[in-house]
């Protein structure tokens, strides 16, 4: 039986591979040790993916998304042409559903539909 931490790490690795396959360099922000005070970047994001001038700030969740309002608000406050704010929800054995926030608006890409 896999525990929640192992499942989260596994899904984070899947997200890293997803972005790396698109040519991005990915950095993990979250630190998981007993001495660490920092958990997520800005209290929201787990990963940063960068390619040339594009930066994606990414939160990974499993089977359930977080409330969208915090991402919408953050995208309004910190918007720029080259910054993107993403919430990737991994559904067990189905794939990712990706919520992209830009200027307070949300666009959803369902990667699960393409897996048949």
N, C-alpha and C. Protein backbone atom coordinates (compact mmCIF):
# COMPACT_ATOMS: atom_id res chain seq x y z
N UNK A 1 0.84 -1.18 0.00
CA UNK A 1 0.00 0.00 0.00
C UNK A 1 0.89 1.25 0.00
N UNK A 2 0.63 2.15 -0.89
CA UNK A 2 1.43 3.37 -1.00
C UNK A 2 0.83 4.46 -0.10
N UNK A 3 1.69 5.18 0.63
CA UNK A 3 1.15 6.23 1.50
C UNK A 3 1.02 7.55 0.74
N UNK A 4 0.41 8.53 1.37
CA UNK A 4 0.12 9.81 0.71
C UNK A 4 1.39 10.53 0.25
N UNK A 5 2.43 10.50 1.08
CA UNK A 5 3.68 11.19 0.72
C UNK A 5 4.32 10.53 -0.50
N UNK A 6 4.35 9.19 -0.52
CA UNK A 6 4.91 8.47 -1.66
C UNK A 6 4.11 8.76 -2.93
N UNK A 7 2.79 8.78 -2.79
CA UNK A 7 1.92 9.04 -3.93
C UNK A 7 2.15 10.46 -4.46
N UNK A 8 2.27 11.42 -3.55
CA UNK A 8 2.55 12.80 -3.95
C UNK A 8 3.88 12.93 -4.66
N UNK A 9 4.91 12.26 -4.13
CA UNK A 9 6.22 12.29 -4.78
C UNK A 9 6.18 11.64 -6.16
N UNK A 10 5.47 10.54 -6.27
CA UNK A 10 5.34 9.84 -7.56
C UNK A 10 4.66 10.75 -8.59
N UNK A 11 3.59 11.42 -8.18
CA UNK A 11 2.87 12.29 -9.11
C UNK A 11 3.67 13.54 -9.45
N UNK A 12 4.48 14.00 -8.50
CA UNK A 12 5.37 15.13 -8.78
C UNK A 12 6.41 14.74 -9.83
N UNK A 13 6.95 13.53 -9.74
CA UNK A 13 7.90 13.05 -10.75
C UNK A 13 7.25 12.95 -12.12
N UNK A 14 5.98 12.53 -12.16
CA UNK A 14 5.26 12.48 -13.44
C UNK A 14 5.12 13.88 -14.03
N UNK A 15 4.84 14.86 -13.18
CA UNK A 15 4.72 16.25 -13.65
C UNK A 15 6.06 16.76 -14.16
N UNK A 16 7.14 16.44 -13.44
CA UNK A 16 8.48 16.86 -13.88
C UNK A 16 8.79 16.27 -15.25
N UNK A 17 8.51 14.98 -15.44
CA UNK A 17 8.74 14.34 -16.75
C UNK A 17 7.88 14.97 -17.84
N UNK A 18 6.65 15.34 -17.50
CA UNK A 18 5.75 16.00 -18.45
C UNK A 18 6.37 17.29 -18.97
N UNK A 19 6.87 18.15 -18.05
CA UNK A 19 7.45 19.43 -18.46
C UNK A 19 8.79 19.25 -19.15
N UNK A 20 9.60 18.31 -18.67
CA UNK A 20 10.89 18.05 -19.32
C UNK A 20 10.69 17.54 -20.74
N UNK A 21 9.65 16.76 -20.98
CA UNK A 21 9.38 16.27 -22.33
C UNK A 21 9.01 17.40 -23.29
N UNK A 22 8.60 18.53 -22.75
CA UNK A 22 8.28 19.72 -23.55
C UNK A 22 9.47 20.68 -23.65
N UNK A 23 10.63 20.24 -23.13
CA UNK A 23 11.85 21.04 -23.27
C UNK A 23 12.13 22.01 -22.14
N UNK A 24 11.40 21.92 -21.04
CA UNK A 24 11.60 22.82 -19.90
C UNK A 24 12.58 22.23 -18.90
N UNK A 25 13.30 23.11 -18.22
CA UNK A 25 14.10 22.72 -17.07
C UNK A 25 13.20 22.92 -15.86
N UNK A 26 13.20 21.93 -14.98
CA UNK A 26 12.26 21.96 -13.86
C UNK A 26 13.01 21.94 -12.54
N UNK A 27 12.59 22.82 -11.63
CA UNK A 27 13.15 22.86 -10.28
C UNK A 27 12.07 22.57 -9.26
N UNK A 28 12.42 21.75 -8.29
CA UNK A 28 11.49 21.40 -7.22
C UNK A 28 11.68 22.39 -6.08
N UNK A 29 10.61 23.03 -5.65
CA UNK A 29 10.67 24.04 -4.61
C UNK A 29 10.49 23.41 -3.24
N UNK A 30 9.57 22.50 -3.14
CA UNK A 30 9.20 21.90 -1.87
C UNK A 30 10.37 21.16 -1.22
N UNK A 31 10.54 21.36 0.07
CA UNK A 31 11.57 20.66 0.82
C UNK A 31 10.89 19.82 1.89
N UNK A 32 11.19 18.54 1.89
CA UNK A 32 10.55 17.64 2.85
C UNK A 32 11.58 17.06 3.81
N UNK A 33 11.91 17.82 4.82
CA UNK A 33 12.73 17.26 5.89
C UNK A 33 12.34 17.91 7.21
N UNK A 34 12.75 17.32 8.30
CA UNK A 34 12.29 17.79 9.61
C UNK A 34 12.86 19.15 10.00
N UNK A 35 13.89 19.63 9.30
CA UNK A 35 14.50 20.92 9.62
C UNK A 35 13.99 22.04 8.73
N UNK A 36 13.23 21.72 7.72
CA UNK A 36 12.79 22.70 6.74
C UNK A 36 11.56 23.47 7.21
N UNK A 37 11.59 24.77 7.00
CA UNK A 37 10.45 25.61 7.29
C UNK A 37 9.68 25.86 6.00
N UNK A 38 10.38 25.89 4.86
CA UNK A 38 9.79 26.17 3.56
C UNK A 38 9.11 24.92 3.02
N UNK A 39 7.85 25.05 2.64
CA UNK A 39 7.14 23.93 2.03
C UNK A 39 6.91 24.20 0.55
N UNK A 40 6.20 25.27 0.22
CA UNK A 40 5.88 25.61 -1.17
C UNK A 40 6.32 27.05 -1.45
N UNK A 41 6.64 27.34 -2.71
CA UNK A 41 6.97 28.69 -3.12
C UNK A 41 5.72 29.57 -2.98
N UNK A 42 5.82 30.66 -2.26
CA UNK A 42 4.71 31.57 -1.98
C UNK A 42 3.56 30.86 -1.26
N UNK A 43 3.83 29.71 -0.66
CA UNK A 43 2.79 28.94 0.01
C UNK A 43 1.82 28.27 -0.95
N UNK A 44 2.16 28.25 -2.25
CA UNK A 44 1.24 27.71 -3.25
C UNK A 44 1.89 26.68 -4.17
N UNK A 45 3.10 26.95 -4.69
CA UNK A 45 3.64 26.18 -5.81
C UNK A 45 4.72 25.19 -5.39
N UNK A 46 4.73 24.03 -6.06
CA UNK A 46 5.68 22.95 -5.81
C UNK A 46 6.87 22.97 -6.76
N UNK A 47 6.64 23.35 -8.02
CA UNK A 47 7.66 23.29 -9.06
C UNK A 47 7.74 24.59 -9.84
N UNK A 48 8.91 24.83 -10.43
CA UNK A 48 9.07 25.91 -11.41
C UNK A 48 9.65 25.29 -12.66
N UNK A 49 9.02 25.55 -13.80
CA UNK A 49 9.52 25.07 -15.09
C UNK A 49 9.91 26.30 -15.91
N UNK A 50 11.10 26.25 -16.51
CA UNK A 50 11.59 27.41 -17.26
C UNK A 50 12.16 26.98 -18.61
N UNK A 51 11.87 27.78 -19.62
CA UNK A 51 12.44 27.60 -20.96
C UNK A 51 12.53 28.97 -21.59
N UNK A 52 13.76 29.37 -21.92
CA UNK A 52 14.03 30.71 -22.46
C UNK A 52 13.44 31.75 -21.51
N UNK A 53 12.43 32.49 -21.95
CA UNK A 53 11.86 33.55 -21.11
C UNK A 53 10.54 33.15 -20.46
N UNK A 54 10.10 31.93 -20.64
CA UNK A 54 8.84 31.48 -20.05
C UNK A 54 9.06 30.77 -18.73
N UNK A 55 8.26 31.15 -17.74
CA UNK A 55 8.33 30.53 -16.42
C UNK A 55 6.94 30.04 -16.02
N UNK A 56 6.87 28.78 -15.62
CA UNK A 56 5.62 28.18 -15.16
C UNK A 56 5.76 27.85 -13.69
N UNK A 57 4.85 28.37 -12.89
CA UNK A 57 4.79 28.07 -11.47
C UNK A 57 3.70 27.02 -11.30
N UNK A 58 4.04 25.87 -10.73
CA UNK A 58 3.16 24.69 -10.82
C UNK A 58 2.85 24.11 -9.44
N UNK A 59 1.58 23.86 -9.20
CA UNK A 59 1.13 23.13 -8.02
C UNK A 59 0.63 21.77 -8.48
N UNK A 60 1.05 20.70 -7.78
CA UNK A 60 0.63 19.34 -8.11
C UNK A 60 -0.33 18.86 -7.03
N UNK A 61 -1.47 18.33 -7.44
CA UNK A 61 -2.40 17.72 -6.50
C UNK A 61 -2.82 16.35 -7.05
N UNK A 62 -3.44 15.55 -6.19
CA UNK A 62 -3.85 14.21 -6.59
C UNK A 62 -5.35 14.04 -6.39
N UNK A 63 -6.04 13.68 -7.47
CA UNK A 63 -7.46 13.32 -7.49
C UNK A 63 -8.44 14.44 -7.11
N UNK A 64 -7.94 15.58 -6.68
CA UNK A 64 -8.82 16.68 -6.28
C UNK A 64 -8.06 17.99 -6.40
N UNK A 65 -8.66 18.99 -7.06
CA UNK A 65 -7.98 20.26 -7.20
C UNK A 65 -8.19 21.11 -5.94
N UNK A 66 -7.27 22.06 -5.73
CA UNK A 66 -7.41 23.05 -4.67
C UNK A 66 -8.39 24.12 -5.14
N UNK A 67 -8.94 24.91 -4.24
CA UNK A 67 -9.83 26.01 -4.68
C UNK A 67 -9.12 26.92 -5.69
N UNK A 68 -9.83 27.29 -6.73
CA UNK A 68 -9.22 28.04 -7.83
C UNK A 68 -8.96 29.51 -7.49
N UNK A 69 -9.69 30.06 -6.53
CA UNK A 69 -9.62 31.50 -6.27
C UNK A 69 -8.21 31.96 -5.90
N UNK A 70 -7.47 31.18 -5.10
CA UNK A 70 -6.12 31.61 -4.71
C UNK A 70 -5.20 31.71 -5.92
N UNK A 71 -5.37 30.85 -6.90
CA UNK A 71 -4.54 30.89 -8.11
C UNK A 71 -4.96 32.05 -9.00
N UNK A 72 -6.26 32.29 -9.10
CA UNK A 72 -6.75 33.42 -9.89
C UNK A 72 -6.23 34.73 -9.31
N UNK A 73 -6.35 34.88 -8.00
CA UNK A 73 -5.88 36.10 -7.34
C UNK A 73 -4.37 36.29 -7.52
N UNK A 74 -3.62 35.22 -7.36
CA UNK A 74 -2.17 35.29 -7.53
C UNK A 74 -1.82 35.67 -8.96
N UNK A 75 -2.56 35.12 -9.94
CA UNK A 75 -2.26 35.43 -11.34
C UNK A 75 -2.57 36.89 -11.68
N UNK A 76 -3.54 37.48 -11.01
CA UNK A 76 -3.83 38.90 -11.23
C UNK A 76 -2.72 39.76 -10.64
N UNK A 77 -2.34 39.45 -9.42
CA UNK A 77 -1.37 40.26 -8.69
C UNK A 77 0.04 40.17 -9.28
N UNK A 78 0.42 39.00 -9.81
CA UNK A 78 1.79 38.78 -10.26
C UNK A 78 1.90 38.50 -11.76
N UNK A 79 0.94 38.97 -12.52
CA UNK A 79 0.91 38.68 -13.95
C UNK A 79 2.03 39.39 -14.71
N UNK A 80 2.57 38.68 -15.67
CA UNK A 80 3.44 39.27 -16.68
C UNK A 80 3.32 38.36 -17.91
N UNK A 81 3.80 38.84 -19.01
CA UNK A 81 3.65 38.09 -20.26
C UNK A 81 4.30 36.70 -20.18
N UNK A 82 5.40 36.59 -19.46
CA UNK A 82 6.17 35.34 -19.46
C UNK A 82 5.96 34.48 -18.22
N UNK A 83 5.04 34.86 -17.35
CA UNK A 83 4.75 34.07 -16.14
C UNK A 83 3.42 33.36 -16.31
N UNK A 84 3.42 32.08 -15.96
CA UNK A 84 2.21 31.27 -16.06
C UNK A 84 2.02 30.53 -14.75
N UNK A 85 0.78 30.42 -14.31
CA UNK A 85 0.46 29.77 -13.05
C UNK A 85 -0.42 28.56 -13.32
N UNK A 86 0.04 27.41 -12.87
CA UNK A 86 -0.57 26.13 -13.25
C UNK A 86 -0.91 25.31 -12.02
N UNK A 87 -2.06 24.65 -12.06
CA UNK A 87 -2.40 23.62 -11.09
C UNK A 87 -2.62 22.34 -11.89
N UNK A 88 -1.81 21.33 -11.60
CA UNK A 88 -1.92 20.04 -12.29
C UNK A 88 -2.52 19.03 -11.32
N UNK A 89 -3.66 18.47 -11.69
CA UNK A 89 -4.32 17.48 -10.86
C UNK A 89 -4.13 16.12 -11.53
N UNK A 90 -3.47 15.21 -10.81
CA UNK A 90 -3.26 13.87 -11.35
C UNK A 90 -4.36 12.95 -10.83
N UNK A 91 -5.11 12.35 -11.75
CA UNK A 91 -6.15 11.39 -11.40
C UNK A 91 -5.58 9.99 -11.59
N UNK A 92 -5.68 9.18 -10.55
CA UNK A 92 -5.09 7.84 -10.56
C UNK A 92 -5.41 7.06 -11.83
N UNK A 93 -4.35 6.58 -12.46
CA UNK A 93 -4.42 5.73 -13.65
C UNK A 93 -5.13 6.39 -14.84
N UNK A 94 -5.36 7.70 -14.78
CA UNK A 94 -6.04 8.39 -15.87
C UNK A 94 -5.20 9.50 -16.49
N UNK A 95 -4.45 10.23 -15.67
CA UNK A 95 -3.61 11.30 -16.20
C UNK A 95 -3.90 12.66 -15.57
N UNK A 96 -3.35 13.70 -16.17
CA UNK A 96 -3.43 15.05 -15.62
C UNK A 96 -4.61 15.84 -16.18
N UNK A 97 -5.15 16.67 -15.33
CA UNK A 97 -6.06 17.74 -15.72
C UNK A 97 -5.31 19.01 -15.32
N UNK A 98 -5.09 19.91 -16.27
CA UNK A 98 -4.23 21.07 -16.06
C UNK A 98 -5.06 22.35 -16.10
N UNK A 99 -4.98 23.12 -15.01
CA UNK A 99 -5.66 24.41 -14.92
C UNK A 99 -4.59 25.49 -15.09
N UNK A 100 -4.77 26.34 -16.08
CA UNK A 100 -3.81 27.41 -16.40
C UNK A 100 -4.47 28.74 -16.04
N UNK A 101 -3.83 29.49 -15.16
CA UNK A 101 -4.38 30.77 -14.70
C UNK A 101 -3.57 31.91 -15.28
N UNK A 102 -4.27 32.86 -15.87
CA UNK A 102 -3.62 34.02 -16.48
C UNK A 102 -4.57 35.21 -16.34
N UNK A 103 -4.09 36.26 -15.70
CA UNK A 103 -4.87 37.49 -15.52
C UNK A 103 -6.22 37.22 -14.85
N UNK A 104 -6.25 36.28 -13.92
CA UNK A 104 -7.48 35.99 -13.19
C UNK A 104 -8.43 35.05 -13.91
N UNK A 105 -8.06 34.61 -15.11
CA UNK A 105 -8.91 33.70 -15.87
C UNK A 105 -8.33 32.29 -15.80
N UNK A 106 -9.22 31.30 -15.93
CA UNK A 106 -8.78 29.90 -15.86
C UNK A 106 -9.10 29.20 -17.16
N UNK A 107 -8.11 28.50 -17.69
CA UNK A 107 -8.27 27.68 -18.88
C UNK A 107 -7.89 26.26 -18.47
N UNK A 108 -8.72 25.28 -18.80
CA UNK A 108 -8.46 23.90 -18.38
C UNK A 108 -8.15 23.03 -19.58
N UNK A 109 -7.10 22.24 -19.45
CA UNK A 109 -6.71 21.25 -20.46
C UNK A 109 -6.81 19.89 -19.79
N UNK A 110 -7.61 19.02 -20.36
CA UNK A 110 -7.80 17.69 -19.78
C UNK A 110 -7.00 16.68 -20.57
N UNK A 111 -5.84 16.32 -20.03
CA UNK A 111 -4.96 15.34 -20.67
C UNK A 111 -5.54 13.92 -20.57
N UNK A 112 -6.51 13.73 -19.69
CA UNK A 112 -7.11 12.41 -19.51
C UNK A 112 -7.89 12.00 -20.74
N UNK A 113 -8.48 12.93 -21.45
CA UNK A 113 -9.29 12.62 -22.63
C UNK A 113 -8.46 12.00 -23.75
N UNK A 114 -7.19 12.41 -23.84
CA UNK A 114 -6.35 11.91 -24.93
C UNK A 114 -5.83 10.50 -24.65
N UNK A 115 -6.02 9.99 -23.43
CA UNK A 115 -5.54 8.64 -23.09
C UNK A 115 -6.69 7.65 -23.21
N UNK A 116 -6.72 6.92 -24.30
CA UNK A 116 -7.78 5.92 -24.52
C UNK A 116 -7.19 4.60 -24.81
